Amino acid sequence: MNKLSRGEAFERLASILDELRVKCPWDQKQTMESLRHLTLEETAELADSILDNNLNEVKKELGDLMLHILFYAKIAEEKKIFDITDVLNTQCEKMIHRHPHIYSDVSVDDADDVKRNWEKLKLKEGNESVLDGVPKSLSSLIKSMRIQEKARGVGFDWEKPEQVWEKVEEEMGEFLEESEAGNKERAEAEFGDLLFALVNYARFKDINPEEALERTNKKFVARFKFLEQSVKAAGKELSDMSLSEMDVYWNEAKKQHR
């Protein structure tokens, strides 16, 4: 089959979905609500493939997400609310409006200027706060980062990373103080402040805290599975071993999975 153009490939996928919506019992019964958790799952799978640097899987997962976008638009079209053409045109107009340095006579010096203009335009479009655009269903770690980025977009931010690190140390001290005092509720609040400060510091160091933590999760899983396999190969059971005995295998796992 000859490679289709961008428009032809998009139309082909849309036509396939149209047919499935008519002929396939599973596709017929789907609603926006039933698709929601599947979309979250597909998004997570895309994120995993990006972290794994598996570009072939990235391509596949992008296709899955594209299908979901078309699916939501198809359901809305059936209800005579909007269709995929409306979705695309709305997005085109928004991107043109929010990039006046490209499509108008606004001047910018760098990416930070672009972000500041973006947030100012969103306020003019009806948002009461620059923070209104942060989705409530985001993970708390990503949400912290996005809140801080949006506050930075209007100039509310630390000036130097050293200042942020001082805040991390301050929050660490307050958390330890409340934790040692046995005040669980206050310790939890201070731990939240500490995490927020650490996210802030990571942002200043151009580190994505969500990706950093997920890479650590994956590293721990790989090492722990190596530990399990090594213990099993030695004819032992983890539950029967002391922590010091496990550490011998764990240190070997760290050498194998650096």
Protein backbone atom coordinates (compact mmCIF):
# COMPACT_ATOMS: atom_id res chain seq x y z
CA MET A 1 0.00 0.00 0.00
CA ASN A 2 1.33 3.45 -0.95
CA LYS A 3 1.90 5.83 1.92
CA LEU A 4 -1.11 8.08 2.38
CA SER A 5 -0.84 11.82 2.85
CA ARG A 6 -1.48 13.30 6.28
CA GLY A 7 -5.04 14.27 5.37
CA GLU A 8 -5.78 10.90 3.73
CA ALA A 9 -4.47 8.94 6.73
CA PHE A 10 -6.56 11.06 9.11
CA GLU A 11 -9.68 10.55 6.97
CA ARG A 12 -9.01 6.81 6.78
CA LEU A 13 -8.93 6.48 10.58
CA ALA A 14 -12.07 8.62 10.94
CA SER A 15 -13.88 6.45 8.37
CA ILE A 16 -12.85 3.25 10.15
CA LEU A 17 -14.26 4.62 13.42
CA ASP A 18 -17.50 5.61 11.64
CA GLU A 19 -17.87 2.01 10.44
CA LEU A 20 -17.03 0.48 13.81
CA ARG A 21 -19.54 2.74 15.53
CA VAL A 22 -22.24 1.26 13.27
CA LYS A 23 -21.18 -2.38 13.09
CA CYS A 24 -19.18 -3.31 16.21
CA PRO A 25 -21.20 -4.06 19.41
CA TRP A 26 -18.36 -2.92 21.70
CA ASP A 27 -17.78 0.35 19.86
CA GLN A 28 -21.53 1.01 19.69
CA LYS A 29 -21.97 0.95 23.46
CA GLN A 30 -19.08 3.27 24.36
CA THR A 31 -19.75 6.68 25.93
CA MET A 32 -17.43 9.52 26.92
CA GLU A 33 -17.67 8.26 30.51
CA SER A 34 -16.80 4.66 29.60
CA LEU A 35 -13.84 5.79 27.49
CA ARG A 36 -12.40 8.09 30.15
CA HIS A 37 -10.50 5.49 32.18
CA LEU A 38 -9.28 3.83 28.98
CA THR A 39 -7.89 7.16 27.78
CA LEU A 40 -6.04 7.60 31.07
CA GLU A 41 -4.59 4.12 30.62
CA GLU A 42 -3.50 4.87 27.05
CA THR A 43 -1.88 8.11 28.22
CA ALA A 44 0.03 6.20 30.89
CA GLU A 45 1.18 3.66 28.30
CA LEU A 46 2.43 6.49 26.09
CA ALA A 47 4.30 7.97 29.05
CA ASP A 48 5.90 4.58 29.76
CA SER A 49 7.04 4.15 26.16
CA ILE A 50 8.57 7.64 26.19
CA LEU A 51 10.51 6.90 29.38
CA ASP A 52 11.67 3.59 27.87
CA ASN A 53 12.73 5.47 24.71
CA ASN A 54 10.77 2.88 22.71
CA LEU A 55 9.88 5.01 19.70
CA ASN A 56 8.00 2.23 17.93
CA GLU A 57 5.70 1.93 20.96
CA VAL A 58 5.40 5.73 21.09
CA LYS A 59 4.06 5.61 17.54
CA LYS A 60 1.51 2.92 18.47
CA GLU A 61 0.35 4.69 21.62
CA LEU A 62 -0.05 7.98 19.77
CA GLY A 63 -2.31 6.13 17.35
CA ASP A 64 -4.39 4.82 20.25
CA LEU A 65 -4.77 8.32 21.65
CA MET A 66 -5.66 9.70 18.22
CA LEU A 67 -8.42 7.11 17.98
CA HIS A 68 -9.74 8.16 21.39
CA ILE A 69 -9.83 11.81 20.32
CA LEU A 70 -11.82 10.88 17.24
CA PHE A 71 -14.09 8.68 19.36
CA TYR A 72 -15.02 11.52 21.74
CA ALA A 73 -15.69 13.82 18.79
CA LYS A 74 -17.79 11.13 17.10
CA ILE A 75 -19.97 10.72 20.19
CA ALA A 76 -20.43 14.50 20.38
CA GLU A 77 -21.28 14.60 16.67
CA GLU A 78 -24.01 11.98 17.21
CA LYS A 79 -25.46 14.21 19.90
CA LYS A 80 -25.25 17.18 17.49
CA ILE A 81 -22.93 19.11 19.86
CA PHE A 82 -19.71 19.33 17.82
CA ASP A 83 -17.63 17.20 15.46
CA ILE A 84 -13.92 16.61 14.83
CA THR A 85 -13.79 19.52 12.36
CA ASP A 86 -15.02 21.83 15.10
CA VAL A 87 -12.38 20.42 17.46
CA LEU A 88 -9.57 21.01 14.97
CA ASN A 89 -10.70 24.49 13.94
CA THR A 90 -11.13 25.55 17.57
CA GLN A 91 -7.62 24.38 18.34
CA CYS A 92 -6.19 26.14 15.29
CA GLU A 93 -7.81 29.44 16.29
CA LYS A 94 -6.59 29.06 19.87
CA MET A 95 -3.00 28.38 18.81
CA ILE A 96 -2.99 31.36 16.46
CA HIS A 97 -4.47 33.61 19.17
CA ARG A 98 -1.98 32.46 21.80
CA HIS A 99 1.06 32.90 19.55
CA PRO A 100 0.87 36.61 18.70
CA HIS A 101 4.68 36.64 18.36
CA ILE A 102 4.20 34.42 15.30
CA TYR A 103 0.86 35.54 13.88
CA SER A 104 0.83 39.18 14.98
CA ASP A 105 3.25 41.96 15.87
CA VAL A 106 4.14 40.99 19.47
CA SER A 107 7.87 40.63 20.20
CA VAL A 108 9.41 38.07 22.56
CA ASP A 109 12.98 37.44 23.69
CA ASP A 110 12.76 33.84 24.84
CA ALA A 111 10.54 30.91 25.85
CA ASP A 112 9.77 32.51 29.23
CA ASP A 113 8.27 35.51 27.43
CA VAL A 114 6.09 33.13 25.42
CA LYS A 115 4.83 31.46 28.61
CA ARG A 116 4.05 34.80 30.25
CA ASN A 117 2.08 35.97 27.21
CA TRP A 118 0.25 32.64 27.12
CA GLU A 119 -0.94 33.00 30.72
CA LYS A 120 -1.98 36.63 30.22
CA LEU A 121 -4.05 35.65 27.19
CA LYS A 122 -5.75 32.85 29.11
CA LEU A 123 -6.81 35.35 31.78
CA LYS A 124 -8.28 37.59 29.08
CA GLU A 125 -10.16 34.57 27.72
CA GLY A 126 -12.09 34.21 30.98
CA ASN A 127 -9.94 32.34 33.49
CA GLU A 128 -10.24 33.99 36.88
CA SER A 129 -6.84 32.70 37.99
CA VAL A 130 -3.67 31.61 36.22
CA LEU A 131 -4.03 28.38 38.20
CA ASP A 132 -7.49 27.55 36.81
CA GLY A 133 -5.96 25.64 33.92
CA VAL A 134 -4.34 22.99 36.14
CA PRO A 135 -6.48 19.80 35.90
CA LYS A 136 -7.78 18.54 39.23
CA SER A 137 -7.23 14.91 38.25
CA LEU A 138 -3.48 15.28 37.68
CA SER A 139 -1.20 13.36 40.02
CA SER A 140 -0.20 15.54 42.95
CA LEU A 141 3.44 15.57 41.85
CA ILE A 142 2.69 16.81 38.33
CA LYS A 143 0.08 19.21 39.69
CA SER A 144 2.67 20.80 41.99
CA MET A 145 5.01 21.34 39.07
CA ARG A 146 2.30 22.84 36.85
CA ILE A 147 1.09 25.15 39.65
CA GLN A 148 4.61 26.44 40.12
CA GLU A 149 5.17 26.86 36.39
CA LYS A 150 1.98 28.86 36.01
CA ALA A 151 2.83 31.09 38.98
CA ARG A 152 6.24 31.67 37.39
CA GLY A 153 4.48 32.71 34.17
CA VAL A 154 3.23 35.87 35.90
CA GLY A 155 6.49 36.55 37.74
CA PHE A 156 5.71 34.89 41.10
CA ASP A 157 8.82 32.81 41.65
CA TRP A 158 12.14 32.55 43.43
CA GLU A 159 15.09 34.32 41.86
CA LYS A 160 17.83 31.74 42.51
CA PRO A 161 17.95 27.97 43.11
CA GLU A 162 19.93 28.62 46.31
CA GLN A 163 16.86 30.33 47.77
CA VAL A 164 14.72 27.33 46.93
CA TRP A 165 17.18 24.93 48.54
CA GLU A 166 17.11 27.02 51.73
CA LYS A 167 13.33 26.55 51.68
CA VAL A 168 13.79 22.77 51.26
CA GLU A 169 16.06 22.69 54.32
CA GLU A 170 13.60 24.83 56.29
CA GLU A 171 10.69 22.53 55.43
CA MET A 172 12.79 19.46 56.24
CA GLY A 173 13.51 20.87 59.70
CA GLU A 174 9.83 21.65 60.33
CA PHE A 175 8.79 18.16 59.18
CA LEU A 176 11.35 16.44 61.43
CA GLU A 177 10.29 18.60 64.37
CA GLU A 178 6.60 17.70 64.02
CA SER A 179 7.38 14.07 63.25
CA GLU A 180 9.54 13.68 66.34
CA ALA A 181 6.83 15.37 68.41
CA GLY A 182 4.42 12.66 67.29
CA ASN A 183 1.93 15.09 65.77
CA LYS A 184 0.82 13.07 62.73
CA GLU A 185 -1.52 15.67 61.26
CA ARG A 186 1.03 18.50 61.43
CA ALA A 187 3.81 16.19 60.26
CA GLU A 188 1.74 15.27 57.22
CA ALA A 189 1.19 18.95 56.43
CA GLU A 190 4.91 19.69 56.75
CA PHE A 191 5.77 16.66 54.60
CA GLY A 192 3.51 18.10 51.90
CA ASP A 193 5.35 21.43 52.18
CA LEU A 194 8.67 19.58 51.90
CA LEU A 195 7.59 17.73 48.75
CA PHE A 196 6.32 20.98 47.23
CA ALA A 197 9.67 22.65 47.94
CA LEU A 198 11.57 19.71 46.43
CA VAL A 199 9.45 19.90 43.28
CA ASN A 200 10.26 23.60 43.14
CA TYR A 201 13.99 22.91 43.41
CA ALA A 202 13.80 20.21 40.74
CA ARG A 203 12.10 22.73 38.45
CA PHE A 204 14.94 25.19 38.96
CA LYS A 205 17.40 22.43 38.05
CA ASP A 206 15.40 21.57 34.93
CA ILE A 207 14.46 18.15 36.34
CA ASN A 208 10.97 16.74 35.80
CA PRO A 209 10.11 15.31 39.25
CA GLU A 210 7.44 12.97 37.89
CA GLU A 211 9.84 11.42 35.39
CA ALA A 212 12.66 11.29 37.94
CA LEU A 213 10.47 9.44 40.45
CA GLU A 214 9.13 7.07 37.82
CA ARG A 215 12.66 6.21 36.69
CA THR A 216 13.50 5.44 40.32
CA ASN A 217 10.35 3.29 40.59
CA LYS A 218 11.40 1.32 37.52
CA LYS A 219 14.96 0.96 38.85
CA PHE A 220 13.69 -0.32 42.19
CA VAL A 221 11.37 -2.83 40.51
CA ALA A 222 14.21 -4.16 38.32
CA ARG A 223 16.53 -4.52 41.32
CA PHE A 224 13.88 -6.13 43.51
CA LYS A 225 12.99 -8.66 40.83
CA PHE A 226 16.70 -9.50 40.48
CA LEU A 227 16.78 -9.97 44.26
CA GLU A 228 13.78 -12.31 44.13
CA GLN A 229 15.22 -14.35 41.28
CA SER A 230 18.66 -14.62 42.93
CA VAL A 231 17.18 -15.73 46.24
CA LYS A 232 14.99 -18.29 44.49
CA ALA A 233 17.97 -19.61 42.49
CA ALA A 234 19.81 -20.08 45.80
CA GLY A 235 16.93 -22.22 47.07
CA LYS A 236 15.88 -19.70 49.71
CA GLU A 237 12.74 -17.74 50.61
CA LEU A 238 12.74 -13.98 51.14
CA SER A 239 10.35 -14.31 54.05
CA ASP A 240 12.86 -16.54 55.88
CA MET A 241 15.82 -14.20 55.43
CA SER A 242 17.13 -11.41 57.62
CA LEU A 243 17.53 -7.91 56.24
CA SER A 244 21.32 -8.23 56.32
CA GLU A 245 21.09 -11.43 54.26
CA MET A 246 18.85 -9.67 51.73
CA ASP A 247 21.32 -6.79 51.52
CA VAL A 248 23.95 -9.10 50.04
CA TYR A 249 21.66 -9.84 47.08
CA TRP A 250 20.44 -6.23 46.94
CA ASN A 251 23.98 -4.91 46.57
CA GLU A 252 24.53 -7.33 43.72
CA ALA A 253 21.28 -6.15 42.15
CA LYS A 254 22.53 -2.56 42.31
CA LYS A 255 25.67 -3.58 40.41
CA GLN A 256 23.58 -5.30 37.75
CA HIS A 257 21.03 -2.49 37.35
CA ARG A 258 22.86 0.80 37.63
